[in-house]
């Protein structure tokens, strides 16, 4: 089972992480585990339905989750274009 860093996901949804940390967290928690942004979306769905995390940091709205996924993808694409002249594919549903 993949490790989910809920602190990272909650801070990302609340716009509390600088771009560099978003990229390093994504590389550590997703790329290094063979996962992608689609998996991040499923992780958000899982923690959104867990009352322990909802009570801890307020309700995660679909808008907050969508913004977190979009921002992650934009930062990842910027990194991929600069370093490898490629970007994420459109078949990753966010």
PDB file of N, CA and C in Angstrom:
ATOM      1  N   UNK A   1       0.839  -1.183   0.000  1.00  0.00           N
ATOM      2  CA  UNK A   1       0.000   0.000   0.000  1.00  0.00           C
ATOM      3  C   UNK A   1       0.886   1.249   0.000  1.00  0.00           C
ATOM      4  N   UNK A   2       0.488   2.237  -0.757  1.00  0.00           N
ATOM      5  CA  UNK A   2       1.263   3.468  -0.891  1.00  0.00           C
ATOM      6  C   UNK A   2       1.125   4.340   0.352  1.00  0.00           C
ATOM      7  N   UNK A   3       2.191   5.036   0.657  1.00  0.00           N
ATOM      8  CA  UNK A   3       2.199   5.977   1.772  1.00  0.00           C
ATOM      9  C   UNK A   3       1.483   7.260   1.350  1.00  0.00           C
ATOM     10  N   UNK A   4       0.631   7.770   2.208  1.00  0.00           N
ATOM     11  CA  UNK A   4      -0.060   9.029   1.950  1.00  0.00           C
ATOM     12  C   UNK A   4       0.354  10.032   3.024  1.00  0.00           C
ATOM     13  N   UNK A   5       0.933  11.129   2.609  1.00  0.00           N
ATOM     14  CA  UNK A   5       1.338  12.177   3.551  1.00  0.00           C
ATOM     15  C   UNK A   5       0.177  13.164   3.663  1.00  0.00           C
ATOM     16  N   UNK A   6      -0.691  12.927   4.650  1.00  0.00           N
ATOM     17  CA  UNK A   6      -1.889  13.762   4.772  1.00  0.00           C
ATOM     18  C   UNK A   6      -1.551  15.197   5.165  1.00  0.00           C
ATOM     19  N   UNK A   7      -0.476  15.400   5.923  1.00  0.00           N
ATOM     20  CA  UNK A   7      -0.067  16.768   6.265  1.00  0.00           C
ATOM     21  C   UNK A   7       0.232  17.550   4.996  1.00  0.00           C
ATOM     22  N   UNK A   8       0.961  16.937   4.081  1.00  0.00           N
ATOM     23  CA  UNK A   8       1.284  17.561   2.794  1.00  0.00           C
ATOM     24  C   UNK A   8      -0.003  17.886   2.025  1.00  0.00           C
ATOM     25  N   UNK A   9      -0.922  16.938   1.947  1.00  0.00           N
ATOM     26  CA  UNK A   9      -2.160  17.146   1.184  1.00  0.00           C
ATOM     27  C   UNK A   9      -3.025  18.243   1.798  1.00  0.00           C
ATOM     28  N   UNK A  10      -3.137  18.273   3.114  1.00  0.00           N
ATOM     29  CA  UNK A  10      -3.952  19.304   3.774  1.00  0.00           C
ATOM     30  C   UNK A  10      -3.331  20.688   3.610  1.00  0.00           C
ATOM     31  N   UNK A  11      -2.010  20.784   3.773  1.00  0.00           N
ATOM     32  CA  UNK A  11      -1.334  22.073   3.585  1.00  0.00           C
ATOM     33  C   UNK A  11      -1.441  22.529   2.134  1.00  0.00           C
ATOM     34  N   UNK A  12      -1.348  21.601   1.192  1.00  0.00           N
ATOM     35  CA  UNK A  12      -1.480  21.934  -0.224  1.00  0.00           C
ATOM     36  C   UNK A  12      -2.890  22.458  -0.522  1.00  0.00           C
ATOM     37  N   UNK A  13      -3.901  21.798  -0.008  1.00  0.00           N
ATOM     38  CA  UNK A  13      -5.290  22.225  -0.228  1.00  0.00           C
ATOM     39  C   UNK A  13      -5.569  23.587   0.389  1.00  0.00           C
ATOM     40  N   UNK A  14      -4.870  23.907   1.476  1.00  0.00           N
ATOM     41  CA  UNK A  14      -5.054  25.196   2.145  1.00  0.00           C
ATOM     42  C   UNK A  14      -4.065  26.253   1.655  1.00  0.00           C
ATOM     43  N   UNK A  15      -3.368  25.963   0.566  1.00  0.00           N
ATOM     44  CA  UNK A  15      -2.436  26.902  -0.071  1.00  0.00           C
ATOM     45  C   UNK A  15      -1.364  27.392   0.907  1.00  0.00           C
ATOM     46  N   UNK A  16      -0.784  26.461   1.651  1.00  0.00           N
ATOM     47  CA  UNK A  16       0.216  26.798   2.665  1.00  0.00           C
ATOM     48  C   UNK A  16       1.608  26.274   2.321  1.00  0.00           C
ATOM     49  N   UNK A  17       1.831  25.860   1.081  1.00  0.00           N
ATOM     50  CA  UNK A  17       3.116  25.271   0.697  1.00  0.00           C
ATOM     51  C   UNK A  17       3.712  26.063  -0.467  1.00  0.00           C
ATOM     52  N   UNK A  18       4.992  26.447  -0.374  1.00  0.00           N
ATOM     53  CA  UNK A  18       5.652  27.111  -1.512  1.00  0.00           C
ATOM     54  C   UNK A  18       5.817  26.135  -2.687  1.00  0.00           C
ATOM     55  N   UNK A  19       5.942  26.686  -3.882  1.00  0.00           N
ATOM     56  CA  UNK A  19       6.032  25.867  -5.095  1.00  0.00           C
ATOM     57  C   UNK A  19       7.117  24.799  -5.017  1.00  0.00           C
ATOM     58  N   UNK A  20       8.287  25.151  -4.471  1.00  0.00           N
ATOM     59  CA  UNK A  20       9.394  24.197  -4.403  1.00  0.00           C
ATOM     60  C   UNK A  20       9.023  22.990  -3.538  1.00  0.00           C
ATOM     61  N   UNK A  21       8.338  23.253  -2.439  1.00  0.00           N
ATOM     62  CA  UNK A  21       7.939  22.163  -1.553  1.00  0.00           C
ATOM     63  C   UNK A  21       6.827  21.319  -2.172  1.00  0.00           C
ATOM     64  N   UNK A  22       5.969  21.944  -2.969  1.00  0.00           N
ATOM     65  CA  UNK A  22       4.939  21.179  -3.679  1.00  0.00           C
ATOM     66  C   UNK A  22       5.606  20.176  -4.605  1.00  0.00           C
ATOM     67  N   UNK A  23       6.617  20.624  -5.331  1.00  0.00           N
ATOM     68  CA  UNK A  23       7.315  19.742  -6.263  1.00  0.00           C
ATOM     69  C   UNK A  23       8.062  18.627  -5.532  1.00  0.00           C
ATOM     70  N   UNK A  24       8.815  18.965  -4.490  1.00  0.00           N
ATOM     71  CA  UNK A  24       9.565  17.921  -3.777  1.00  0.00           C
ATOM     72  C   UNK A  24       8.628  16.937  -3.085  1.00  0.00           C
ATOM     73  N   UNK A  25       7.541  17.434  -2.519  1.00  0.00           N
ATOM     74  CA  UNK A  25       6.561  16.542  -1.892  1.00  0.00           C
ATOM     75  C   UNK A  25       5.914  15.621  -2.905  1.00  0.00           C
ATOM     76  N   UNK A  26       5.575  16.157  -4.067  1.00  0.00           N
ATOM     77  CA  UNK A  26       4.970  15.335  -5.114  1.00  0.00           C
ATOM     78  C   UNK A  26       5.955  14.265  -5.590  1.00  0.00           C
ATOM     79  N   UNK A  27       7.209  14.641  -5.780  1.00  0.00           N
ATOM     80  CA  UNK A  27       8.218  13.675  -6.220  1.00  0.00           C
ATOM     81  C   UNK A  27       8.401  12.570  -5.174  1.00  0.00           C
ATOM     82  N   UNK A  28       8.411  12.930  -3.919  1.00  0.00           N
ATOM     83  CA  UNK A  28       8.618  11.960  -2.840  1.00  0.00           C
ATOM     84  C   UNK A  28       7.386  11.076  -2.638  1.00  0.00           C
ATOM     85  N   UNK A  29       6.224  11.695  -2.548  1.00  0.00           N
ATOM     86  CA  UNK A  29       5.013  10.962  -2.178  1.00  0.00           C
ATOM     87  C   UNK A  29       4.300  10.297  -3.349  1.00  0.00           C
ATOM     88  N   UNK A  30       4.614  10.716  -4.563  1.00  0.00           N
ATOM     89  CA  UNK A  30       3.917  10.143  -5.715  1.00  0.00           C
ATOM     90  C   UNK A  30       4.873   9.536  -6.739  1.00  0.00           C
ATOM     91  N   UNK A  31       5.736  10.336  -7.342  1.00  0.00           N
ATOM     92  CA  UNK A  31       6.618   9.821  -8.386  1.00  0.00           C
ATOM     93  C   UNK A  31       7.481   8.675  -7.859  1.00  0.00           C
ATOM     94  N   UNK A  32       8.102   8.846  -6.698  1.00  0.00           N
ATOM     95  CA  UNK A  32       8.988   7.815  -6.152  1.00  0.00           C
ATOM     96  C   UNK A  32       8.240   6.527  -5.804  1.00  0.00           C
ATOM     97  N   UNK A  33       6.920   6.615  -5.671  1.00  0.00           N
ATOM     98  CA  UNK A  33       6.114   5.434  -5.369  1.00  0.00           C
ATOM     99  C   UNK A  33       5.369   4.921  -6.604  1.00  0.00           C
ATOM    100  N   UNK A  34       5.717   5.452  -7.772  1.00  0.00           N
ATOM    101  CA  UNK A  34       5.070   5.013  -9.010  1.00  0.00           C
ATOM    102  C   UNK A  34       3.626   5.451  -9.117  1.00  0.00           C
ATOM    103  N   UNK A  35       3.323   6.620  -8.538  1.00  0.00           N
ATOM    104  CA  UNK A  35       1.954   7.133  -8.531  1.00  0.00           C
ATOM    105  C   UNK A  35       1.898   8.445  -9.300  1.00  0.00           C
ATOM    106  N   UNK A  36       0.695   8.992  -9.519  1.00  0.00           N
ATOM    107  CA  UNK A  36       0.554  10.226 -10.289  1.00  0.00           C
ATOM    108  C   UNK A  36      -0.531  11.129  -9.709  1.00  0.00           C
ATOM    109  N   UNK A  37      -0.890  12.174 -10.449  1.00  0.00           N
ATOM    110  CA  UNK A  37      -1.876  13.147  -9.963  1.00  0.00           C
ATOM    111  C   UNK A  37      -3.255  12.504  -9.787  1.00  0.00           C
ATOM    112  N   UNK A  38      -3.568  11.536 -10.625  1.00  0.00           N
ATOM    113  CA  UNK A  38      -4.820  10.805 -10.449  1.00  0.00           C
ATOM    114  C   UNK A  38      -4.877  10.115  -9.092  1.00  0.00           C
ATOM    115  N   UNK A  39      -3.734   9.564  -8.674  1.00  0.00           N
ATOM    116  CA  UNK A  39      -3.661   8.948  -7.338  1.00  0.00           C
ATOM    117  C   UNK A  39      -3.817   9.991  -6.245  1.00  0.00           C
ATOM    118  N   UNK A  40      -3.265  11.188  -6.479  1.00  0.00           N
ATOM    119  CA  UNK A  40      -3.417  12.267  -5.511  1.00  0.00           C
ATOM    120  C   UNK A  40      -4.900  12.617  -5.360  1.00  0.00           C
ATOM    121  N   UNK A  41      -5.622  12.642  -6.459  1.00  0.00           N
ATOM    122  CA  UNK A  41      -7.057  12.922  -6.403  1.00  0.00           C
ATOM    123  C   UNK A  41      -7.772  11.879  -5.538  1.00  0.00           C
ATOM    124  N   UNK A  42      -7.416  10.608  -5.715  1.00  0.00           N
ATOM    125  CA  UNK A  42      -8.035   9.547  -4.913  1.00  0.00           C
ATOM    126  C   UNK A  42      -7.663   9.676  -3.441  1.00  0.00           C
ATOM    127  N   UNK A  43      -6.428  10.099  -3.170  1.00  0.00           N
ATOM    128  CA  UNK A  43      -6.022  10.327  -1.785  1.00  0.00           C
ATOM    129  C   UNK A  43      -6.848  11.440  -1.154  1.00  0.00           C
ATOM    130  N   UNK A  44      -7.098  12.508  -1.907  1.00  0.00           N
ATOM    131  CA  UNK A  44      -7.949  13.592  -1.399  1.00  0.00           C
ATOM    132  C   UNK A  44      -9.364  13.086  -1.122  1.00  0.00           C
ATOM    133  N   UNK A  45      -9.885  12.259  -2.005  1.00  0.00           N
ATOM    134  CA  UNK A  45     -11.222  11.715  -1.797  1.00  0.00           C
ATOM    135  C   UNK A  45     -11.259  10.879  -0.520  1.00  0.00           C
ATOM    136  N   UNK A  46     -10.190  10.113  -0.297  1.00  0.00           N
ATOM    137  CA  UNK A  46     -10.117   9.266   0.898  1.00  0.00           C
ATOM    138  C   UNK A  46     -10.059  10.094   2.182  1.00  0.00           C
ATOM    139  N   UNK A  47      -9.185  11.113   2.211  1.00  0.00           N
ATOM    140  CA  UNK A  47      -9.095  11.897   3.451  1.00  0.00           C
ATOM    141  C   UNK A  47     -10.310  12.804   3.635  1.00  0.00           C
ATOM    142  N   UNK A  48     -10.966  13.183   2.533  1.00  0.00           N
ATOM    143  CA  UNK A  48     -12.170  14.018   2.644  1.00  0.00           C
ATOM    144  C   UNK A  48     -13.322  13.257   3.282  1.00  0.00           C
ATOM    145  N   UNK A  49     -13.313  11.942   3.147  1.00  0.00           N
ATOM    146  CA  UNK A  49     -14.396  11.146   3.722  1.00  0.00           C
ATOM    147  C   UNK A  49     -14.033  10.621   5.113  1.00  0.00           C
ATOM    148  N   UNK A  50     -12.836  10.980   5.617  1.00  0.00           N
ATOM    149  CA  UNK A  50     -12.399  10.536   6.936  1.00  0.00           C
ATOM    150  C   UNK A  50     -12.612  11.669   7.937  1.00  0.00           C
ATOM    151  N   UNK A  51     -13.526  11.480   8.838  1.00  0.00           N
ATOM    152  CA  UNK A  51     -13.918  12.527   9.785  1.00  0.00           C
ATOM    153  C   UNK A  51     -12.735  13.017  10.622  1.00  0.00           C
ATOM    154  N   UNK A  52     -11.761  12.169  10.870  1.00  0.00           N
ATOM    155  CA  UNK A  52     -10.581  12.562  11.646  1.00  0.00           C
ATOM    156  C   UNK A  52      -9.852  13.735  10.979  1.00  0.00           C
ATOM    157  N   UNK A  53      -9.707  13.685   9.660  1.00  0.00           N
ATOM    158  CA  UNK A  53      -8.989  14.737   8.946  1.00  0.00           C
ATOM    159  C   UNK A  53      -9.872  15.950   8.690  1.00  0.00           C
ATOM    160  N   UNK A  54     -11.139  15.745   8.478  1.00  0.00           N
ATOM    161  CA  UNK A  54     -12.051  16.867   8.256  1.00  0.00           C
ATOM    162  C   UNK A  54     -12.126  17.728   9.518  1.00  0.00           C
ATOM    163  N   UNK A  55     -12.241  17.094  10.679  1.00  0.00           N
ATOM    164  CA  UNK A  55     -12.294  17.844  11.938  1.00  0.00           C
ATOM    165  C   UNK A  55     -10.973  18.518  12.246  1.00  0.00           C
ATOM    166  N   UNK A  56      -9.883  17.937  11.805  1.00  0.00           N
ATOM    167  CA  UNK A  56      -8.556  18.469  12.092  1.00  0.00           C
ATOM    168  C   UNK A  56      -8.310  19.790  11.388  1.00  0.00           C
ATOM    169  N   UNK A  57      -8.765  19.920  10.150  1.00  0.00           N
ATOM    170  CA  UNK A  57      -8.351  21.079   9.357  1.00  0.00           C
ATOM    171  C   UNK A  57      -9.498  21.736   8.601  1.00  0.00           C
ATOM    172  N   UNK A  58     -10.696  21.572   9.052  1.00  0.00           N
ATOM    173  CA  UNK A  58     -11.827  22.152   8.336  1.00  0.00           C
ATOM    174  C   UNK A  58     -12.214  21.276   7.153  1.00  0.00           C
ATOM    175  N   UNK A  59     -13.336  21.545   6.588  1.00  0.00           N
ATOM    176  CA  UNK A  59     -13.826  20.738   5.480  1.00  0.00           C
ATOM    177  C   UNK A  59     -13.042  21.038   4.207  1.00  0.00           C
ATOM    178  N   UNK A  60     -12.630  19.997   3.522  1.00  0.00           N
ATOM    179  CA  UNK A  60     -11.981  20.153   2.220  1.00  0.00           C
ATOM    180  C   UNK A  60     -13.066  20.214   1.153  1.00  0.00           C
ATOM    181  N   UNK A  61     -13.221  21.349   0.528  1.00  0.00           N
ATOM    182  CA  UNK A  61     -14.233  21.478  -0.517  1.00  0.00           C
ATOM    183  C   UNK A  61     -13.682  20.950  -1.836  1.00  0.00           C
ATOM    184  N   UNK A  62     -14.574  20.650  -2.745  1.00  0.00           N
ATOM    185  CA  UNK A  62     -14.156  20.202  -4.077  1.00  0.00           C
ATOM    186  C   UNK A  62     -13.333  21.277  -4.774  1.00  0.00           C
ATOM    187  N   UNK A  63     -13.650  22.536  -4.518  1.00  0.00           N
ATOM    188  CA  UNK A  63     -12.896  23.641  -5.108  1.00  0.00           C
ATOM    189  C   UNK A  63     -11.456  23.651  -4.592  1.00  0.00           C
ATOM    190  N   UNK A  64     -11.289  23.484  -3.282  1.00  0.00           N
ATOM    191  CA  UNK A  64      -9.946  23.448  -2.702  1.00  0.00           C
ATOM    192  C   UNK A  64      -9.134  22.287  -3.267  1.00  0.00           C
ATOM    193  N   UNK A  65      -9.754  21.135  -3.375  1.00  0.00           N
ATOM    194  CA  UNK A  65      -9.067  19.955  -3.908  1.00  0.00           C
ATOM    195  C   UNK A  65      -8.710  20.179  -5.373  1.00  0.00           C
ATOM    196  N   UNK A  66      -9.647  20.711  -6.149  1.00  0.00           N
ATOM    197  CA  UNK A  66      -9.382  20.991  -7.560  1.00  0.00           C
ATOM    198  C   UNK A  66      -8.234  21.962  -7.751  1.00  0.00           C
ATOM    199  N   UNK A  67      -8.203  22.995  -6.927  1.00  0.00           N
ATOM    200  CA  UNK A  67      -7.101  23.970  -7.013  1.00  0.00           C
ATOM    201  C   UNK A  67      -5.762  23.327  -6.665  1.00  0.00           C
ATOM    202  N   UNK A  68      -5.750  22.473  -5.644  1.00  0.00           N
ATOM    203  CA  UNK A  68      -4.515  21.795  -5.240  1.00  0.00           C
ATOM    204  C   UNK A  68      -4.002  20.895  -6.362  1.00  0.00           C
ATOM    205  N   UNK A  69      -4.900  20.159  -6.997  1.00  0.00           N
ATOM    206  CA  UNK A  69      -4.503  19.280  -8.097  1.00  0.00           C
ATOM    207  C   UNK A  69      -4.001  20.082  -9.294  1.00  0.00           C
ATOM    208  N   UNK A  70      -4.706  21.157  -9.629  1.00  0.00           N
ATOM    209  CA  UNK A  70      -4.310  21.999 -10.758  1.00  0.00           C
ATOM    210  C   UNK A  70      -2.962  22.655 -10.503  1.00  0.00           C
ATOM    211  N   UNK A  71      -2.775  23.185  -9.302  1.00  0.00           N
ATOM    212  CA  UNK A  71      -1.503  23.839  -8.979  1.00  0.00           C
ATOM    213  C   UNK A  71      -0.349  22.840  -9.038  1.00  0.00           C
ATOM    214  N   UNK A  72      -0.572  21.643  -8.509  1.00  0.00           N
ATOM    215  CA  UNK A  72       0.466  20.605  -8.559  1.00  0.00           C
ATOM    216  C   UNK A  72       0.826  20.285 -10.008  1.00  0.00           C
ATOM    217  N   UNK A  73      -0.175  20.135 -10.832  1.00  0.00           N
ATOM    218  CA  UNK A  73       0.079  19.811 -12.237  1.00  0.00           C
ATOM    219  C   UNK A  73       0.825  20.944 -12.946  1.00  0.00           C
ATOM    220  N   UNK A  74       0.463  22.193 -12.676  1.00  0.00           N
ATOM    221  CA  UNK A  74       1.153  23.329 -13.290  1.00  0.00           C
ATOM    222  C   UNK A  74       2.625  23.370 -12.888  1.00  0.00           C
ATOM    223  N   UNK A  75       2.900  23.152 -11.612  1.00  0.00           N
ATOM    224  CA  UNK A  75       4.283  23.170 -11.126  1.00  0.00           C
ATOM    225  C   UNK A  75       5.065  22.002 -11.707  1.00  0.00           C
ATOM    226  N   UNK A  76       4.432  20.830 -11.771  1.00  0.00           N
ATOM    227  CA  UNK A  76       5.085  19.661 -12.352  1.00  0.00           C
ATOM    228  C   UNK A  76       5.374  19.879 -13.836  1.00  0.00           C
ATOM    229  N   UNK A  77       4.411  20.425 -14.564  1.00  0.00           N
ATOM    230  CA  UNK A  77       4.623  20.695 -15.998  1.00  0.00           C
ATOM    231  C   UNK A  77       5.760  21.690 -16.216  1.00  0.00           C
ATOM    232  N   UNK A  78       5.809  22.727 -15.398  1.00  0.00           N
ATOM    233  CA  UNK A  78       6.885  23.713 -15.517  1.00  0.00           C
ATOM    234  C   UNK A  78       8.250  23.035 -15.341  1.00  0.00           C
ATOM    235  N   UNK A  79       8.353  22.162 -14.336  1.00  0.00           N
ATOM    236  CA  UNK A  79       9.591  21.420 -14.078  1.00  0.00           C
ATOM    237  C   UNK A  79       9.922  20.495 -15.253  1.00  0.00           C
ATOM    238  N   UNK A  80       8.928  19.757 -15.725  1.00  0.00           N
ATOM    239  CA  UNK A  80       9.159  18.799 -16.818  1.00  0.00           C
ATOM    240  C   UNK A  80       9.541  19.506 -18.117  1.00  0.00           C
ATOM    241  N   UNK A  81       8.894  20.612 -18.426  1.00  0.00           N
ATOM    242  CA  UNK A  81       9.215  21.350 -19.651  1.00  0.00           C
ATOM    243  C   UNK A  81      10.634  21.903 -19.577  1.00  0.00           C
ATOM    244  N   UNK A  82      10.989  22.494 -18.445  1.00  0.00           N
ATOM    245  CA  UNK A  82      12.321  23.093 -18.297  1.00  0.00           C
ATOM    246  C   UNK A  82      13.427  22.043 -18.380  1.00  0.00           C
ATOM    247  N   UNK A  83      13.220  20.902 -17.725  1.00  0.00           N
ATOM    248  CA  UNK A  83      14.272  19.899 -17.633  1.00  0.00           C
ATOM    249  C   UNK A  83      14.247  18.832 -18.726  1.00  0.00           C
ATOM    250  N   UNK A  84      13.075  18.502 -19.238  1.00  0.00           N
ATOM    251  CA  UNK A  84      12.962  17.365 -20.153  1.00  0.00           C
ATOM    252  C   UNK A  84      12.191  17.659 -21.435  1.00  0.00           C
ATOM    253  N   UNK A  85      11.724  18.896 -21.601  1.00  0.00           N
ATOM    254  CA  UNK A  85      10.932  19.283 -22.762  1.00  0.00           C
ATOM    255  C   UNK A  85       9.720  18.366 -22.968  1.00  0.00           C
ATOM    256  N   UNK A  86       9.042  18.044 -21.868  1.00  0.00           N
ATOM    257  CA  UNK A  86       7.805  17.261 -21.935  1.00  0.00           C
ATOM    258  C   UNK A  86       6.893  17.715 -20.800  1.00  0.00           C
ATOM    259  N   UNK A  87       5.673  17.227 -20.794  1.00  0.00           N
ATOM    260  CA  UNK A  87       4.707  17.621 -19.755  1.00  0.00           C
ATOM    261  C   UNK A  87       3.814  16.439 -19.430  1.00  0.00           C
ATOM    262  N   UNK A  88       2.953  16.607 -18.419  1.00  0.00           N
ATOM    263  CA  UNK A  88       2.019  15.551 -18.054  1.00  0.00           C
ATOM    264  C   UNK A  88       1.044  15.347 -19.199  1.00  0.00           C
ATOM    265  N   UNK A  89       0.452  14.165 -19.259  1.00  0.00           N
ATOM    266  CA  UNK A  89      -0.490  13.879 -20.323  1.00  0.00           C
ATOM    267  C   UNK A  89      -1.916  14.235 -19.900  1.00  0.00           C
ATOM    268  N   UNK A  90      -2.767  14.448 -20.877  1.00  0.00           N
ATOM    269  CA  UNK A  90      -4.149  14.816 -20.597  1.00  0.00           C
ATOM    270  C   UNK A  90      -4.989  13.632 -20.108  1.00  0.00           C
ATOM    271  N   UNK A  91      -4.439  12.406 -20.187  1.00  0.00           N
ATOM    272  CA  UNK A  91      -5.227  11.251 -19.750  1.00  0.00           C
ATOM    273  C   UNK A  91      -5.218  11.072 -18.229  1.00  0.00           C
ATOM    274  N   UNK A  92      -4.478  11.943 -17.514  1.00  0.00           N
ATOM    275  CA  UNK A  92      -4.562  11.944 -16.048  1.00  0.00           C
ATOM    276  C   UNK A  92      -5.763  12.803 -15.671  1.00  0.00           C
ATOM    277  N   UNK A  93      -6.803  12.155 -15.192  1.00  0.00           N
ATOM    278  CA  UNK A  93      -8.038  12.880 -14.895  1.00  0.00           C
ATOM    279  C   UNK A  93      -7.937  13.592 -13.556  1.00  0.00           C
ATOM    280  N   UNK A  94      -8.075  14.922 -13.581  1.00  0.00           N
ATOM    281  CA  UNK A  94      -8.128  15.676 -12.349  1.00  0.00           C
ATOM    282  C   UNK A  94      -9.412  16.420 -12.320  1.00  0.00           C
TER     283      UNK A  94
END
